[in-house]
């Protein structure tokens, strides 16, 4: 499902008047989540899961064709660990 389809789905589920309103609400959620992650480094939604910021250290990478070694830069990535209630909800239809 693409972003546009998610926005249309959210509009229909919440019975909103316009796609713009649905998009603004979804964008508000993501911006609040990003601000919280930047401030705290970890956001926990009970039974849903954990969003966390992790640092990736620089690595050495060898390029066989050129016989040269380069180093990647350090960076931060966002990870998500699924909670039990979300996992059970997703697997409900399989049984």
Protein backbone atom coordinates (compact mmCIF):
# COMPACT_ATOMS: atom_id res chain seq x y z
CA UNK A 1 0.00 0.00 0.00
CA UNK A 2 1.40 3.36 -1.01
CA UNK A 3 1.19 6.56 1.02
CA UNK A 4 -1.68 7.92 -1.08
CA UNK A 5 -3.69 4.74 -0.51
CA UNK A 6 -3.09 4.94 3.25
CA UNK A 7 -4.35 8.53 3.27
CA UNK A 8 -7.49 7.53 1.37
CA UNK A 9 -8.05 4.58 3.72
CA UNK A 10 -7.62 6.82 6.80
CA UNK A 11 -10.06 9.39 5.36
CA UNK A 12 -12.66 6.71 4.75
CA UNK A 13 -12.24 5.05 8.17
CA UNK A 14 -12.41 8.34 10.12
CA UNK A 15 -15.11 9.80 7.85
CA UNK A 16 -13.12 12.97 7.24
CA UNK A 17 -14.20 15.63 4.76
CA UNK A 18 -11.04 15.90 2.67
CA UNK A 19 -7.84 14.10 1.80
CA UNK A 20 -5.87 17.15 2.89
CA UNK A 21 -7.29 16.87 6.42
CA UNK A 22 -6.39 13.17 6.56
CA UNK A 23 -2.89 13.88 5.26
CA UNK A 24 -2.38 16.65 7.86
CA UNK A 25 -3.39 14.32 10.71
CA UNK A 26 -1.06 11.57 9.54
CA UNK A 27 1.76 14.09 9.06
CA UNK A 28 1.12 15.49 12.56
CA UNK A 29 1.54 11.99 14.03
CA UNK A 30 4.83 11.39 12.21
CA UNK A 31 6.25 14.80 13.09
CA UNK A 32 5.37 14.30 16.78
CA UNK A 33 6.97 10.85 16.68
CA UNK A 34 10.16 12.23 15.08
CA UNK A 35 10.40 15.07 17.62
CA UNK A 36 9.99 12.59 20.48
CA UNK A 37 12.63 10.29 18.97
CA UNK A 38 15.06 13.20 18.55
CA UNK A 39 14.50 14.26 22.15
CA UNK A 40 14.33 10.91 23.95
CA UNK A 41 15.76 8.39 21.47
CA UNK A 42 12.99 5.88 22.23
CA UNK A 43 9.18 5.89 22.01
CA UNK A 44 7.13 3.04 23.48
CA UNK A 45 3.51 2.39 22.50
CA UNK A 46 2.14 -0.09 25.01
CA UNK A 47 1.30 -3.42 23.33
CA UNK A 48 2.08 -1.87 19.93
CA UNK A 49 5.82 -1.72 19.81
CA UNK A 50 8.96 0.33 20.31
CA UNK A 51 10.45 2.95 17.98
CA UNK A 52 14.12 3.46 18.75
CA UNK A 53 17.05 5.43 17.32
CA UNK A 54 20.27 3.44 17.00
CA UNK A 55 23.70 4.58 15.92
CA UNK A 56 25.48 2.63 13.22
CA UNK A 57 29.26 2.78 13.55
CA UNK A 58 31.49 3.45 10.54
CA UNK A 59 32.51 0.28 8.70
CA UNK A 60 35.40 -0.72 6.50
CA UNK A 61 34.31 -1.83 3.02
CA UNK A 62 36.63 -3.47 0.52
CA UNK A 63 36.01 -3.02 -3.21
CA UNK A 64 37.49 -6.08 -4.95
CA UNK A 65 37.61 -4.64 -8.48
CA UNK A 66 39.58 -1.55 -7.49
CA UNK A 67 41.48 -3.22 -4.63
CA UNK A 68 40.70 -0.28 -2.44
CA UNK A 69 39.24 0.09 1.04
CA UNK A 70 36.77 2.79 1.96
CA UNK A 71 34.99 3.65 5.20
CA UNK A 72 31.31 4.33 5.51
CA UNK A 73 30.20 7.20 7.69
CA UNK A 74 28.47 6.79 11.03
CA UNK A 75 24.73 7.33 10.92
CA UNK A 76 21.56 7.03 12.94
CA UNK A 77 18.70 4.74 11.96
CA UNK A 78 15.19 4.28 13.29
CA UNK A 79 14.18 0.75 14.26
CA UNK A 80 10.79 -0.68 15.22
CA UNK A 81 10.23 -3.73 17.39
CA UNK A 82 6.71 -5.10 17.11
CA UNK A 83 4.73 -5.59 20.34
CA UNK A 84 2.76 -8.72 21.26
CA UNK A 85 -0.73 -7.25 20.82
CA UNK A 86 0.11 -5.92 17.34
CA UNK A 87 1.67 -9.26 16.35
CA UNK A 88 -1.39 -11.18 17.59
CA UNK A 89 -3.73 -8.79 15.78
CA UNK A 90 -1.82 -9.27 12.50
CA UNK A 91 -1.82 -13.06 12.85
CA UNK A 92 -5.50 -13.30 13.78
CA UNK A 93 -6.65 -14.01 10.23
CA UNK A 94 -4.16 -16.85 9.63
CA UNK A 95 -5.71 -19.29 12.13
